[in-house]
Each structure stands twice: as C-alpha cells, then as structure tokens.
Amino acid sequence: MKVLVSACLNGVCCRYDGSSADINLGDKYPQIEFVPVCPEVMAGLTIPRNSVEITNGRIVDNTGTDLTKAFTEGANKALAVALKHQCHVALLKSKSPSCGQGLRYDGTFSGNLVARDGIFAALLKEHNIKVFTENELAEFEAYV
C-alpha cells in the first residue's frame, strides 16, 4: 500500500523553521510505502521560511506577504504526486496551513486554532483521498 505523507513527518527537515517532525514511520509501518511531499517546498518556498497562516481566505506570512498563489500551486503539485502514485490515504502534519486536517491556526498568529483544514488537506479530500494527521495514528492504523 502507498500512503502520501507530509515529508516532515518522514524525517525531512522542511518545516517552516527548518526542522522535521519525524515520527519514525518506516519503523512503525514497514509494510507501507510512504510517498513524501511538502507542498510548501514544491511551491518553491525556502527553508526556513516565515510562519504562515490562513486569514480571510488568503494565505499570508507573519510579515503580511500574500502567499496564496504559491500555496495553491504547491498543493496542486503535491496532489499530482498523490494521483500519480495512486495514494488513497494521506498522513499529514497537523495544524499546518497546507496539511492541517480538522484544525489549523486561525490566521491571527496568536496560537489559536480553528476547526478548518489546510489548503492541501482540503484539496486531497475533494479528490476522495482519506486524510489523517500524526495525532490520529490509531485511526490511521485501523484504516490501513
């Protein structure tokens, strides 16, 4: 089985702050072939990069720079990878403006969360790809 995964969860140091959120997926799930993507890197954004949140339907960094176009392009490129590899399930980084599923930051850069998806997670769902985060590993395991 192939599962799309946020590259940062798979050990790649591509988070906005240059870190990874590695959860040792290969050790936990040796039977799964993980296909890593980072929509933000695929959009050409740098590592590290400014913190980004979604506010009023726009994706902006903490300096006010509008990155909506880049995030949309990155999400579409990552979706193309999912479709190419026939991934019907994704394991994504929680709270991210790209990959957050169910919860993401509210756009005020205050640490508050709202019950909404990131742009990439929403796009995957629109294409009937089941999305989980690293906070839903029990549900993920039951599904796969």
Protein backbone atom coordinates (compact mmCIF):
# COMPACT_ATOMS: atom_id res chain seq x y z
CA MET A 1 0.00 0.00 0.00
CA LYS A 2 1.17 3.52 -0.81
CA VAL A 3 0.40 6.37 1.59
CA LEU A 4 1.09 10.01 0.89
CA VAL A 5 2.90 11.61 3.82
CA SER A 6 4.00 15.08 4.83
CA ALA A 7 7.74 14.95 4.21
CA CYS A 8 8.43 16.49 7.63
CA LEU A 9 6.76 13.51 9.30
CA ASN A 10 9.10 11.28 7.31
CA GLY A 11 12.30 12.90 8.60
CA VAL A 12 12.81 15.65 6.03
CA CYS A 13 13.79 18.99 7.60
CA CYS A 14 11.34 21.07 5.58
CA ARG A 15 9.10 22.67 8.19
CA TYR A 16 8.90 26.46 8.24
CA ASP A 17 11.58 26.57 10.94
CA GLY A 18 13.88 24.12 9.12
CA SER A 19 13.07 21.20 11.41
CA SER A 20 11.34 17.89 10.86
CA ALA A 21 8.53 16.30 12.86
CA ASP A 22 9.84 12.77 12.25
CA ILE A 23 7.69 10.05 13.79
CA ASN A 24 9.72 7.04 12.56
CA LEU A 25 7.11 5.88 10.08
CA GLY A 26 9.36 3.28 8.45
CA ASP A 27 9.89 1.59 11.81
CA LYS A 28 6.21 1.72 12.77
CA TYR A 29 4.78 0.69 9.41
CA PRO A 30 7.30 -1.36 7.40
CA GLN A 31 4.51 -2.75 5.21
CA ILE A 32 3.59 0.71 3.89
CA GLU A 33 5.36 2.57 1.10
CA PHE A 34 5.30 6.22 2.11
CA VAL A 35 5.34 8.83 -0.65
CA PRO A 36 6.69 12.06 0.90
CA VAL A 37 5.60 15.52 -0.26
CA CYS A 38 5.93 19.04 1.07
CA PRO A 39 3.51 21.32 -0.79
CA GLU A 40 5.30 24.39 0.52
CA VAL A 41 8.70 23.29 -0.76
CA MET A 42 7.08 22.13 -4.01
CA ALA A 43 5.79 25.70 -4.33
CA GLY A 44 9.37 26.98 -4.23
CA LEU A 45 9.24 28.38 -0.71
CA THR A 46 12.51 28.45 1.20
CA ILE A 47 13.63 26.50 4.24
CA PRO A 48 13.41 28.10 6.70
CA ARG A 49 10.58 30.47 5.92
CA ASN A 50 8.32 32.85 7.80
CA SER A 51 5.38 31.49 9.75
CA VAL A 52 2.22 31.34 7.63
CA GLU A 53 -1.48 31.23 8.47
CA ILE A 54 -4.75 31.48 6.57
CA THR A 55 -6.72 34.65 7.22
CA ASN A 56 -9.83 35.89 5.40
CA GLY A 57 -9.33 33.26 2.70
CA ARG A 58 -5.76 34.39 1.96
CA ILE A 59 -2.54 32.66 2.94
CA VAL A 60 -0.16 35.20 4.43
CA ASP A 61 3.09 35.10 6.35
CA ASN A 62 3.76 36.90 9.59
CA THR A 63 5.05 39.94 7.67
CA GLY A 64 1.78 40.24 5.71
CA THR A 65 3.15 38.85 2.43
CA ASP A 66 0.39 37.09 0.48
CA LEU A 67 1.49 33.56 -0.45
CA THR A 68 -1.89 32.28 -1.63
CA LYS A 69 -0.73 31.67 -5.20
CA ALA A 70 2.39 29.75 -4.12
CA PHE A 71 0.48 27.62 -1.61
CA THR A 72 -2.19 26.82 -4.21
CA GLU A 73 0.45 25.82 -6.77
CA GLY A 74 2.27 23.68 -4.21
CA ALA A 75 -0.95 21.95 -3.17
CA ASN A 76 -1.74 21.15 -6.81
CA LYS A 77 1.76 19.79 -7.43
CA ALA A 78 1.55 17.59 -4.34
CA LEU A 79 -1.91 16.38 -5.40
CA ALA A 80 -0.43 15.37 -8.76
CA VAL A 81 2.10 13.20 -6.88
CA ALA A 82 -0.70 11.58 -4.88
CA LEU A 83 -2.65 10.79 -8.03
CA LYS A 84 0.42 9.54 -9.91
CA HIS A 85 1.21 7.10 -7.10
CA GLN A 86 -2.46 6.17 -6.62
CA CYS A 87 -2.42 7.13 -2.95
CA HIS A 88 -5.89 6.86 -1.46
CA VAL A 89 -4.75 7.79 2.03
CA ALA A 90 -2.57 10.58 3.40
CA LEU A 91 -0.84 11.12 6.73
CA LEU A 92 -0.27 14.85 7.14
CA LYS A 93 1.23 17.31 9.64
CA SER A 94 -1.40 18.69 11.97
CA LYS A 95 -2.22 22.41 12.30
CA SER A 96 -0.34 23.36 9.12
CA PRO A 97 -1.83 25.93 6.72
CA SER A 98 -1.11 23.36 3.99
CA CYS A 99 -1.51 19.97 5.63
CA GLY A 100 -3.62 20.60 8.73
CA GLN A 101 -6.68 18.36 8.87
CA GLY A 102 -9.57 19.28 11.12
CA LEU A 103 -7.63 22.01 12.95
CA ARG A 104 -5.31 24.76 11.81
CA TYR A 105 -4.14 28.09 13.17
CA ASP A 106 -6.76 30.83 12.94
CA GLY A 107 -4.82 33.46 10.99
CA THR A 108 -4.08 35.82 13.88
CA PHE A 109 -0.59 34.44 14.63
CA SER A 110 -1.67 34.11 18.26
CA GLY A 111 -1.55 30.32 18.53
CA ASN A 112 -5.34 29.96 18.44
CA LEU A 113 -6.81 27.06 16.48
CA VAL A 114 -9.96 26.82 14.37
CA ALA A 115 -11.82 23.76 13.12
CA ARG A 116 -10.77 24.02 9.47
CA ASP A 117 -8.47 22.22 7.05
CA GLY A 118 -5.30 23.48 5.47
CA ILE A 119 -5.35 24.10 1.72
CA PHE A 120 -3.67 20.81 0.75
CA ALA A 121 -5.69 18.66 3.14
CA ALA A 122 -8.90 20.17 1.75
CA LEU A 123 -7.74 19.52 -1.82
CA LEU A 124 -7.00 15.88 -1.05
CA LYS A 125 -10.44 15.44 0.47
CA GLU A 126 -12.01 16.97 -2.64
CA HIS A 127 -10.30 14.14 -4.56
CA ASN A 128 -11.59 11.47 -2.17
CA ILE A 129 -8.24 10.87 -0.50
CA LYS A 130 -8.67 9.99 3.17
CA VAL A 131 -6.61 12.30 5.40
CA PHE A 132 -5.16 11.66 8.86
CA THR A 133 -2.64 13.58 10.96
CA GLU A 134 0.11 12.34 13.25
CA ASN A 135 -2.37 12.91 16.10
CA GLU A 136 -4.70 10.29 14.62
CA LEU A 137 -2.37 7.31 14.35
CA ALA A 138 -4.85 4.89 15.95
CA GLU A 139 -7.47 5.84 13.38
CA PHE A 140 -4.85 5.68 10.62
CA GLU A 141 -3.77 2.19 11.70
CA ALA A 142 -7.38 0.97 11.78
CA TYR A 143 -7.94 2.36 8.29
CA VAL A 144 -4.84 0.92 6.64
